[in-house]
Amino acid sequence: MTILRCDRVEGRFEGMVDRVALFDRDGVLNVDHGYVCKVEDFEWVEGASEVLDLCRSRGMGVGVITNQSGIGRGYYSEGAFIDLMESVLPAGMVDLVVYCPHAPEADCTGRKPGGRMLEMALRFFAVDGSLAFFVGDKASDLGAADAAGVRGIRFQGGDLRDLSKDLGIS
């Protein structure tokens, strides 16, 4: 798994994919308990790990796109965030994590609803936005998808597997 910060050097995916599945973290992959930065506080949304596995089994590139303002606010360190991602996303589950560590007042263009993090993911996977979707639970997620030319899909809670048809992976 590659982990990229919104304002740092970008990487490249070593394989080839036809489509890309991108997911917001808090509220989509894990229950949003507010500033989740410890393994013991990370609680999977029902069906989330299965959806990630299903995307991978369909040969899709899989990424997580997440604002992490808790870093910029001093609630936890970037190292703690990276350690958490490496702990809860076992090898092969996700190809890429792109995060913005800045608090909203930092006025970073990488933060959602800006499209920079999604654009980084598209470059990483070397695909056009028409070959990707982004699942988010907030208006800022859908705004980021729109800004990057990616299909945005709103998750309103429950079991993430219920979106399988909308994601084209059922």
N, C-alpha and C. Protein backbone atom coordinates (compact mmCIF):
# COMPACT_ATOMS: atom_id res chain seq x y z
N MET A 1 0.85 -1.17 0.00
CA MET A 1 0.00 0.00 0.00
C MET A 1 0.90 1.24 0.00
N THR A 2 0.52 2.19 -0.83
CA THR A 2 1.21 3.47 -0.90
C THR A 2 0.38 4.50 -0.14
N ILE A 3 1.04 5.31 0.69
CA ILE A 3 0.35 6.37 1.43
C ILE A 3 0.95 7.69 0.99
N LEU A 4 0.10 8.57 0.46
CA LEU A 4 0.54 9.86 -0.06
C LEU A 4 -0.12 11.01 0.70
N ARG A 5 0.67 12.00 1.02
CA ARG A 5 0.16 13.22 1.62
C ARG A 5 -0.23 14.17 0.48
N CYS A 6 -1.27 14.97 0.67
CA CYS A 6 -1.81 15.81 -0.41
C CYS A 6 -0.82 16.80 -1.00
N ASP A 7 0.23 17.13 -0.28
CA ASP A 7 1.17 18.14 -0.75
C ASP A 7 2.59 17.60 -0.94
N ARG A 8 2.69 16.31 -1.16
CA ARG A 8 4.01 15.70 -1.32
C ARG A 8 4.15 15.03 -2.68
N VAL A 9 5.31 14.48 -2.91
CA VAL A 9 5.60 13.80 -4.18
C VAL A 9 4.63 12.64 -4.37
N GLU A 10 4.20 12.47 -5.59
CA GLU A 10 3.25 11.41 -5.90
C GLU A 10 3.96 10.13 -6.32
N GLY A 11 3.26 9.02 -6.23
CA GLY A 11 3.80 7.73 -6.64
C GLY A 11 3.08 7.21 -7.86
N ARG A 12 3.45 6.01 -8.26
CA ARG A 12 2.84 5.34 -9.41
C ARG A 12 2.48 3.92 -9.03
N PHE A 13 1.33 3.46 -9.51
CA PHE A 13 0.88 2.10 -9.30
C PHE A 13 1.71 1.18 -10.20
N GLU A 14 2.14 0.07 -9.67
CA GLU A 14 3.00 -0.85 -10.43
C GLU A 14 2.21 -1.76 -11.38
N GLY A 15 0.94 -1.98 -11.11
CA GLY A 15 0.14 -2.86 -11.95
C GLY A 15 -0.69 -2.09 -12.96
N MET A 16 -1.66 -2.79 -13.53
CA MET A 16 -2.59 -2.16 -14.47
C MET A 16 -4.00 -2.45 -14.00
N VAL A 17 -4.86 -1.44 -14.08
CA VAL A 17 -6.27 -1.61 -13.73
C VAL A 17 -7.12 -0.94 -14.80
N ASP A 18 -8.33 -1.46 -14.96
CA ASP A 18 -9.28 -0.88 -15.90
C ASP A 18 -10.18 0.15 -15.23
N ARG A 19 -10.43 -0.07 -13.92
CA ARG A 19 -11.30 0.83 -13.16
C ARG A 19 -10.71 1.05 -11.78
N VAL A 20 -11.17 2.14 -11.15
CA VAL A 20 -10.66 2.50 -9.83
C VAL A 20 -11.83 2.80 -8.90
N ALA A 21 -11.76 2.21 -7.71
CA ALA A 21 -12.75 2.43 -6.66
C ALA A 21 -12.10 3.23 -5.55
N LEU A 22 -12.64 4.41 -5.27
CA LEU A 22 -12.10 5.28 -4.23
C LEU A 22 -13.14 5.47 -3.14
N PHE A 23 -12.68 5.50 -1.89
CA PHE A 23 -13.58 5.57 -0.75
C PHE A 23 -13.09 6.60 0.25
N ASP A 24 -14.02 7.39 0.78
CA ASP A 24 -13.74 8.21 1.94
C ASP A 24 -13.51 7.25 3.11
N ARG A 25 -12.82 7.68 4.13
CA ARG A 25 -12.57 6.79 5.26
C ARG A 25 -13.67 6.92 6.32
N ASP A 26 -13.66 8.03 7.07
CA ASP A 26 -14.56 8.20 8.20
C ASP A 26 -16.01 8.34 7.74
N GLY A 27 -16.85 7.42 8.19
CA GLY A 27 -18.26 7.44 7.82
C GLY A 27 -18.59 6.53 6.64
N VAL A 28 -17.57 6.04 5.95
CA VAL A 28 -17.78 5.12 4.82
C VAL A 28 -17.12 3.78 5.11
N LEU A 29 -15.83 3.80 5.41
CA LEU A 29 -15.14 2.55 5.72
C LEU A 29 -15.18 2.25 7.22
N ASN A 30 -15.07 3.29 8.02
CA ASN A 30 -15.16 3.09 9.47
C ASN A 30 -16.23 4.00 10.06
N VAL A 31 -16.78 3.58 11.18
CA VAL A 31 -17.77 4.39 11.89
C VAL A 31 -17.05 5.65 12.36
N ASP A 32 -17.66 6.79 12.09
CA ASP A 32 -17.05 8.08 12.41
C ASP A 32 -17.29 8.42 13.87
N HIS A 33 -16.32 8.04 14.70
CA HIS A 33 -16.40 8.36 16.13
C HIS A 33 -15.73 9.70 16.42
N GLY A 34 -15.22 10.37 15.40
CA GLY A 34 -14.54 11.65 15.56
C GLY A 34 -13.05 11.46 15.83
N TYR A 35 -12.23 11.86 14.87
CA TYR A 35 -10.78 11.84 15.00
C TYR A 35 -10.25 10.46 15.39
N VAL A 36 -10.64 9.46 14.63
CA VAL A 36 -10.20 8.09 14.88
C VAL A 36 -8.72 7.97 14.50
N CYS A 37 -7.89 7.63 15.50
CA CYS A 37 -6.45 7.53 15.23
C CYS A 37 -5.81 6.33 15.93
N LYS A 38 -6.60 5.52 16.61
CA LYS A 38 -6.08 4.34 17.31
C LYS A 38 -6.81 3.11 16.81
N VAL A 39 -6.09 2.00 16.72
CA VAL A 39 -6.68 0.76 16.25
C VAL A 39 -7.92 0.39 17.06
N GLU A 40 -7.85 0.56 18.36
CA GLU A 40 -8.98 0.18 19.22
C GLU A 40 -10.22 1.05 19.00
N ASP A 41 -10.06 2.21 18.35
CA ASP A 41 -11.19 3.08 18.06
C ASP A 41 -11.74 2.89 16.65
N PHE A 42 -11.02 2.12 15.84
CA PHE A 42 -11.42 1.91 14.45
C PHE A 42 -12.46 0.79 14.40
N GLU A 43 -13.66 1.13 13.97
CA GLU A 43 -14.76 0.16 13.86
C GLU A 43 -15.25 0.16 12.41
N TRP A 44 -15.09 -0.96 11.73
CA TRP A 44 -15.51 -1.06 10.34
C TRP A 44 -17.00 -0.80 10.20
N VAL A 45 -17.38 -0.06 9.17
CA VAL A 45 -18.79 0.04 8.77
C VAL A 45 -19.19 -1.33 8.25
N GLU A 46 -20.40 -1.74 8.55
CA GLU A 46 -20.87 -3.06 8.11
C GLU A 46 -20.70 -3.21 6.60
N GLY A 47 -20.05 -4.28 6.20
CA GLY A 47 -19.87 -4.61 4.78
C GLY A 47 -18.70 -3.91 4.11
N ALA A 48 -18.01 -2.99 4.82
CA ALA A 48 -16.95 -2.21 4.16
C ALA A 48 -15.77 -3.06 3.73
N SER A 49 -15.27 -3.91 4.60
CA SER A 49 -14.11 -4.72 4.20
C SER A 49 -14.48 -5.68 3.08
N GLU A 50 -15.72 -6.16 3.08
CA GLU A 50 -16.17 -7.06 2.02
C GLU A 50 -16.25 -6.33 0.68
N VAL A 51 -16.69 -5.06 0.69
CA VAL A 51 -16.75 -4.28 -0.54
C VAL A 51 -15.34 -4.03 -1.08
N LEU A 52 -14.40 -3.72 -0.20
CA LEU A 52 -13.02 -3.54 -0.65
C LEU A 52 -12.50 -4.82 -1.29
N ASP A 53 -12.76 -5.95 -0.64
CA ASP A 53 -12.34 -7.24 -1.19
C ASP A 53 -13.00 -7.52 -2.54
N LEU A 54 -14.28 -7.19 -2.66
CA LEU A 54 -15.01 -7.42 -3.90
C LEU A 54 -14.42 -6.57 -5.04
N CYS A 55 -14.11 -5.31 -4.73
CA CYS A 55 -13.49 -4.45 -5.75
C CYS A 55 -12.16 -5.04 -6.21
N ARG A 56 -11.36 -5.48 -5.26
CA ARG A 56 -10.06 -6.09 -5.60
C ARG A 56 -10.25 -7.35 -6.44
N SER A 57 -11.25 -8.17 -6.09
CA SER A 57 -11.48 -9.41 -6.84
C SER A 57 -11.93 -9.12 -8.27
N ARG A 58 -12.47 -7.93 -8.52
CA ARG A 58 -12.89 -7.52 -9.87
C ARG A 58 -11.74 -6.86 -10.62
N GLY A 59 -10.54 -6.86 -10.03
CA GLY A 59 -9.37 -6.29 -10.69
C GLY A 59 -9.28 -4.78 -10.64
N MET A 60 -10.04 -4.18 -9.76
CA MET A 60 -10.05 -2.72 -9.65
C MET A 60 -8.90 -2.24 -8.77
N GLY A 61 -8.40 -1.06 -9.06
CA GLY A 61 -7.51 -0.38 -8.14
C GLY A 61 -8.37 0.19 -7.02
N VAL A 62 -7.89 0.15 -5.80
CA VAL A 62 -8.68 0.58 -4.65
C VAL A 62 -7.90 1.61 -3.86
N GLY A 63 -8.56 2.74 -3.57
CA GLY A 63 -7.91 3.79 -2.80
C GLY A 63 -8.82 4.40 -1.75
N VAL A 64 -8.19 5.00 -0.76
CA VAL A 64 -8.88 5.72 0.31
C VAL A 64 -8.44 7.18 0.21
N ILE A 65 -9.42 8.08 0.22
CA ILE A 65 -9.17 9.52 0.11
C ILE A 65 -9.74 10.16 1.37
N THR A 66 -8.90 10.80 2.19
CA THR A 66 -9.40 11.24 3.49
C THR A 66 -8.80 12.55 3.98
N ASN A 67 -9.67 13.46 4.40
CA ASN A 67 -9.24 14.63 5.16
C ASN A 67 -8.91 14.15 6.57
N GLN A 68 -7.79 14.55 7.09
CA GLN A 68 -7.40 14.19 8.46
C GLN A 68 -7.00 15.44 9.23
N SER A 69 -7.98 16.31 9.46
CA SER A 69 -7.69 17.58 10.13
C SER A 69 -7.25 17.39 11.58
N GLY A 70 -7.47 16.21 12.16
CA GLY A 70 -6.99 15.95 13.52
C GLY A 70 -5.48 16.08 13.61
N ILE A 71 -4.79 15.83 12.50
CA ILE A 71 -3.33 16.00 12.48
C ILE A 71 -3.00 17.49 12.59
N GLY A 72 -3.62 18.29 11.74
CA GLY A 72 -3.38 19.73 11.73
C GLY A 72 -3.82 20.41 13.02
N ARG A 73 -4.78 19.84 13.70
CA ARG A 73 -5.27 20.40 14.96
C ARG A 73 -4.47 19.90 16.17
N GLY A 74 -3.51 19.01 15.91
CA GLY A 74 -2.65 18.52 16.98
C GLY A 74 -3.26 17.42 17.83
N TYR A 75 -4.35 16.78 17.36
CA TYR A 75 -4.99 15.72 18.13
C TYR A 75 -4.21 14.41 18.06
N TYR A 76 -3.53 14.20 16.95
CA TYR A 76 -2.69 13.01 16.76
C TYR A 76 -1.66 13.33 15.68
N SER A 77 -0.64 12.51 15.61
CA SER A 77 0.46 12.76 14.67
C SER A 77 0.23 12.06 13.33
N GLU A 78 0.98 12.50 12.33
CA GLU A 78 0.93 11.80 11.04
C GLU A 78 1.39 10.37 11.20
N GLY A 79 2.38 10.14 12.05
CA GLY A 79 2.86 8.78 12.29
C GLY A 79 1.77 7.89 12.86
N ALA A 80 0.96 8.43 13.78
CA ALA A 80 -0.14 7.65 14.35
C ALA A 80 -1.17 7.31 13.28
N PHE A 81 -1.46 8.27 12.41
CA PHE A 81 -2.41 8.03 11.31
C PHE A 81 -1.88 6.94 10.38
N ILE A 82 -0.63 7.05 9.98
CA ILE A 82 -0.04 6.06 9.07
C ILE A 82 0.00 4.68 9.72
N ASP A 83 0.38 4.63 10.99
CA ASP A 83 0.38 3.35 11.71
C ASP A 83 -1.01 2.72 11.73
N LEU A 84 -2.03 3.55 11.95
CA LEU A 84 -3.41 3.04 11.96
C LEU A 84 -3.78 2.48 10.60
N MET A 85 -3.48 3.21 9.53
CA MET A 85 -3.84 2.74 8.20
C MET A 85 -3.14 1.42 7.89
N GLU A 86 -1.88 1.32 8.24
CA GLU A 86 -1.14 0.08 7.99
C GLU A 86 -1.66 -1.07 8.84
N SER A 87 -2.22 -0.77 10.00
CA SER A 87 -2.75 -1.82 10.88
C SER A 87 -4.12 -2.33 10.45
N VAL A 88 -5.00 -1.42 10.03
CA VAL A 88 -6.38 -1.83 9.74
C VAL A 88 -6.60 -2.20 8.27
N LEU A 89 -5.66 -1.84 7.41
CA LEU A 89 -5.78 -2.18 5.99
C LEU A 89 -4.67 -3.17 5.65
N PRO A 90 -4.94 -4.46 5.83
CA PRO A 90 -3.89 -5.46 5.59
C PRO A 90 -3.40 -5.43 4.14
N ALA A 91 -2.21 -5.95 3.95
CA ALA A 91 -1.59 -5.98 2.62
C ALA A 91 -2.56 -6.54 1.59
N GLY A 92 -2.68 -5.84 0.48
CA GLY A 92 -3.52 -6.30 -0.61
C GLY A 92 -4.96 -5.81 -0.56
N MET A 93 -5.39 -5.23 0.55
CA MET A 93 -6.78 -4.76 0.65
C MET A 93 -6.98 -3.43 -0.09
N VAL A 94 -5.99 -2.55 0.01
CA VAL A 94 -6.05 -1.22 -0.58
C VAL A 94 -4.69 -0.94 -1.22
N ASP A 95 -4.72 -0.30 -2.38
CA ASP A 95 -3.48 0.04 -3.07
C ASP A 95 -2.92 1.39 -2.65
N LEU A 96 -3.82 2.31 -2.28
CA LEU A 96 -3.42 3.70 -2.10
C LEU A 96 -4.24 4.36 -1.01
N VAL A 97 -3.59 5.17 -0.19
CA VAL A 97 -4.26 6.09 0.73
C VAL A 97 -3.70 7.48 0.44
N VAL A 98 -4.59 8.43 0.18
CA VAL A 98 -4.19 9.83 0.02
C VAL A 98 -4.88 10.60 1.13
N TYR A 99 -4.10 11.38 1.87
CA TYR A 99 -4.68 12.11 2.99
C TYR A 99 -4.22 13.57 3.01
N CYS A 100 -5.08 14.41 3.57
CA CYS A 100 -4.75 15.81 3.80
C CYS A 100 -4.68 16.01 5.31
N PRO A 101 -3.50 16.35 5.84
CA PRO A 101 -3.34 16.50 7.28
C PRO A 101 -3.69 17.90 7.80
N HIS A 102 -4.16 18.76 6.93
CA HIS A 102 -4.34 20.16 7.30
C HIS A 102 -5.71 20.45 7.90
N ALA A 103 -5.73 21.33 8.87
CA ALA A 103 -6.99 21.83 9.44
C ALA A 103 -7.63 22.76 8.41
N PRO A 104 -8.95 22.93 8.47
CA PRO A 104 -9.63 23.78 7.48
C PRO A 104 -9.04 25.19 7.38
N GLU A 105 -8.64 25.76 8.50
CA GLU A 105 -8.12 27.13 8.48
C GLU A 105 -6.77 27.25 7.78
N ALA A 106 -6.12 26.13 7.49
CA ALA A 106 -4.85 26.15 6.75
C ALA A 106 -5.08 26.48 5.28
N ASP A 107 -6.34 26.40 4.84
CA ASP A 107 -6.71 26.74 3.47
C ASP A 107 -5.91 25.95 2.43
N CYS A 108 -5.75 24.66 2.68
CA CYS A 108 -5.03 23.78 1.77
C CYS A 108 -5.93 23.38 0.60
N THR A 109 -5.42 23.48 -0.60
CA THR A 109 -6.20 23.11 -1.78
C THR A 109 -6.35 21.59 -1.90
N GLY A 110 -5.61 20.85 -1.08
CA GLY A 110 -5.75 19.40 -1.09
C GLY A 110 -6.98 18.90 -0.36
N ARG A 111 -7.51 19.70 0.55
CA ARG A 111 -8.68 19.27 1.33
C ARG A 111 -9.92 19.14 0.46
N LYS A 112 -10.70 18.10 0.74
CA LYS A 112 -12.02 18.02 0.10
C LYS A 112 -12.85 19.18 0.65
N PRO A 113 -13.61 19.88 -0.15
CA PRO A 113 -14.17 19.46 -1.42
C PRO A 113 -13.31 19.72 -2.65
N GLY A 114 -12.08 20.15 -2.48
CA GLY A 114 -11.18 20.27 -3.62
C GLY A 114 -10.90 18.89 -4.20
N GLY A 115 -10.57 18.84 -5.47
CA GLY A 115 -10.37 17.56 -6.14
C GLY A 115 -8.94 17.05 -6.18
N ARG A 116 -8.00 17.77 -5.56
CA ARG A 116 -6.59 17.40 -5.69
C ARG A 116 -6.28 15.97 -5.27
N MET A 117 -6.80 15.51 -4.13
CA MET A 117 -6.47 14.15 -3.69
C MET A 117 -7.01 13.10 -4.66
N LEU A 118 -8.19 13.32 -5.21
CA LEU A 118 -8.72 12.38 -6.19
C LEU A 118 -7.91 12.42 -7.48
N GLU A 119 -7.50 13.61 -7.88
CA GLU A 119 -6.65 13.74 -9.06
C GLU A 119 -5.32 13.01 -8.86
N MET A 120 -4.77 13.09 -7.65
CA MET A 120 -3.54 12.35 -7.34
C MET A 120 -3.78 10.85 -7.50
N ALA A 121 -4.93 10.38 -7.04
CA ALA A 121 -5.25 8.95 -7.16
C ALA A 121 -5.38 8.55 -8.63
N LEU A 122 -6.01 9.38 -9.43
CA LEU A 122 -6.15 9.07 -10.86
C LEU A 122 -4.78 8.98 -11.53
N ARG A 123 -3.89 9.91 -11.19
CA ARG A 123 -2.53 9.86 -11.75
C ARG A 123 -1.78 8.62 -11.26
N PHE A 124 -1.96 8.29 -9.98
CA PHE A 124 -1.30 7.11 -9.41
C PHE A 124 -1.69 5.85 -10.18
N PHE A 125 -2.99 5.70 -10.46
CA PHE A 125 -3.48 4.52 -11.17
C PHE A 125 -3.41 4.67 -12.68
N ALA A 126 -3.07 5.86 -13.16
CA ALA A 126 -2.97 6.16 -14.59
C ALA A 126 -4.27 5.86 -15.32
N VAL A 127 -5.38 6.39 -14.75
CA VAL A 127 -6.69 6.24 -15.39
C VAL A 127 -7.37 7.60 -15.49
N ASP A 128 -8.30 7.67 -16.38
CA ASP A 128 -9.15 8.83 -16.57
C ASP A 128 -10.26 8.82 -15.52
N GLY A 129 -10.75 9.99 -15.15
CA GLY A 129 -11.82 10.09 -14.16
C GLY A 129 -13.08 9.33 -14.52
N SER A 130 -13.32 9.10 -15.81
CA SER A 130 -14.51 8.36 -16.22
C SER A 130 -14.43 6.88 -15.84
N LEU A 131 -13.24 6.42 -15.45
CA LEU A 131 -13.05 5.02 -15.08
C LEU A 131 -12.97 4.83 -13.56
N ALA A 132 -13.42 5.85 -12.83
CA ALA A 132 -13.34 5.80 -11.37
C ALA A 132 -14.66 6.24 -10.75
N PHE A 133 -14.84 5.80 -9.51
CA PHE A 133 -15.92 6.34 -8.69
C PHE A 133 -15.38 6.61 -7.30
N PHE A 134 -16.07 7.51 -6.58
CA PHE A 134 -15.68 7.87 -5.23
C PHE A 134 -16.91 7.81 -4.34
N VAL A 135 -16.83 7.00 -3.29
CA VAL A 135 -17.93 6.85 -2.35
C VAL A 135 -17.64 7.72 -1.14
N GLY A 136 -18.56 8.61 -0.83
CA GLY A 136 -18.41 9.49 0.33
C GLY A 136 -19.74 9.66 1.05
N ASP A 137 -19.66 10.19 2.24
CA ASP A 137 -20.87 10.38 3.03
C ASP A 137 -21.22 11.85 3.25
N LYS A 138 -20.39 12.75 2.78
CA LYS A 138 -20.61 14.17 3.01
C LYS A 138 -20.67 14.93 1.69
N ALA A 139 -21.26 16.11 1.74
CA ALA A 139 -21.33 16.97 0.56
C ALA A 139 -19.92 17.30 0.06
N SER A 140 -18.95 17.46 0.97
CA SER A 140 -17.58 17.78 0.55
C SER A 140 -16.97 16.63 -0.25
N ASP A 141 -17.36 15.39 0.04
CA ASP A 141 -16.88 14.24 -0.73
C ASP A 141 -17.41 14.30 -2.16
N LEU A 142 -18.70 14.58 -2.27
CA LEU A 142 -19.30 14.66 -3.61
C LEU A 142 -18.76 15.86 -4.38
N GLY A 143 -18.46 16.94 -3.67
CA GLY A 143 -17.84 18.10 -4.30
C GLY A 143 -16.46 17.78 -4.84
N ALA A 144 -15.70 16.99 -4.08
CA ALA A 144 -14.37 16.59 -4.53
C ALA A 144 -14.46 15.71 -5.77
N ALA A 145 -15.42 14.79 -5.77
CA ALA A 145 -15.61 13.92 -6.93
C ALA A 145 -15.93 14.76 -8.16
N ASP A 146 -16.83 15.71 -7.99
CA ASP A 146 -17.21 16.58 -9.11
C ASP A 146 -16.01 17.39 -9.60
N ALA A 147 -15.24 17.93 -8.67
CA ALA A 147 -14.07 18.74 -9.03
C ALA A 147 -13.03 17.94 -9.81
N ALA A 148 -12.94 16.63 -9.51
CA ALA A 148 -11.95 15.78 -10.17
C ALA A 148 -12.51 15.06 -11.40
N GLY A 149 -13.79 15.25 -11.70
CA GLY A 149 -14.39 14.58 -12.85
C GLY A 149 -14.61 13.10 -12.63
N VAL A 150 -14.89 12.74 -11.37
CA VAL A 150 -15.11 11.35 -10.97
C VAL A 150 -16.56 11.19 -10.55
N ARG A 151 -17.14 10.04 -10.83
CA ARG A 151 -18.51 9.77 -10.41
C ARG A 151 -18.58 9.68 -8.88
N GLY A 152 -19.36 10.54 -8.25
CA GLY A 152 -19.53 10.54 -6.81
C GLY A 152 -20.77 9.75 -6.42
N ILE A 153 -20.63 8.93 -5.40
CA ILE A 153 -21.75 8.12 -4.91
C ILE A 153 -21.90 8.38 -3.42
N ARG A 154 -23.09 8.77 -3.00
CA ARG A 154 -23.34 9.10 -1.59
C ARG A 154 -23.70 7.86 -0.80
N PHE A 155 -22.97 7.64 0.27
CA PHE A 155 -23.28 6.56 1.22
C PHE A 155 -23.98 7.20 2.41
N GLN A 156 -25.18 6.70 2.71
CA GLN A 156 -25.97 7.31 3.78
C GLN A 156 -26.08 6.42 5.00
N GLY A 157 -25.11 5.54 5.16
CA GLY A 157 -25.09 4.68 6.34
C GLY A 157 -25.67 3.32 6.06
N GLY A 158 -25.58 2.46 7.06
CA GLY A 158 -26.06 1.09 6.91
C GLY A 158 -24.95 0.17 6.46
N ASP A 159 -25.30 -0.76 5.61
CA ASP A 159 -24.37 -1.77 5.12
C ASP A 159 -23.82 -1.31 3.77
N LEU A 160 -22.51 -1.15 3.68
CA LEU A 160 -21.90 -0.66 2.44
C LEU A 160 -22.15 -1.60 1.27
N ARG A 161 -22.36 -2.89 1.56
CA ARG A 161 -22.65 -3.85 0.48
C ARG A 161 -23.93 -3.49 -0.28
N ASP A 162 -24.82 -2.74 0.36
CA ASP A 162 -26.06 -2.35 -0.31
C ASP A 162 -25.81 -1.44 -1.51
N LEU A 163 -24.62 -0.85 -1.61
CA LEU A 163 -24.26 -0.01 -2.76
C LEU A 163 -23.62 -0.79 -3.89
N SER A 164 -23.45 -2.10 -3.72
CA SER A 164 -22.72 -2.90 -4.72
C SER A 164 -23.23 -2.71 -6.14
N LYS A 165 -24.56 -2.68 -6.32
CA LYS A 165 -25.11 -2.48 -7.67
C LYS A 165 -24.73 -1.12 -8.21
N ASP A 166 -24.88 -0.07 -7.37
CA ASP A 166 -24.53 1.27 -7.80
C ASP A 166 -23.06 1.40 -8.15
N LEU A 167 -22.24 0.60 -7.49
CA LEU A 167 -20.80 0.63 -7.75
C LEU A 167 -20.40 -0.22 -8.94
N GLY A 168 -21.33 -1.02 -9.45
CA GLY A 168 -21.03 -1.89 -10.59
C GLY A 168 -20.15 -3.07 -10.22
N ILE A 169 -20.26 -3.55 -8.97
CA ILE A 169 -19.41 -4.65 -8.54
C ILE A 169 -20.21 -5.83 -8.02
N SER A 170 -21.52 -5.79 -8.18
CA SER A 170 -22.34 -6.90 -7.62
C SER A 170 -22.22 -8.16 -8.46
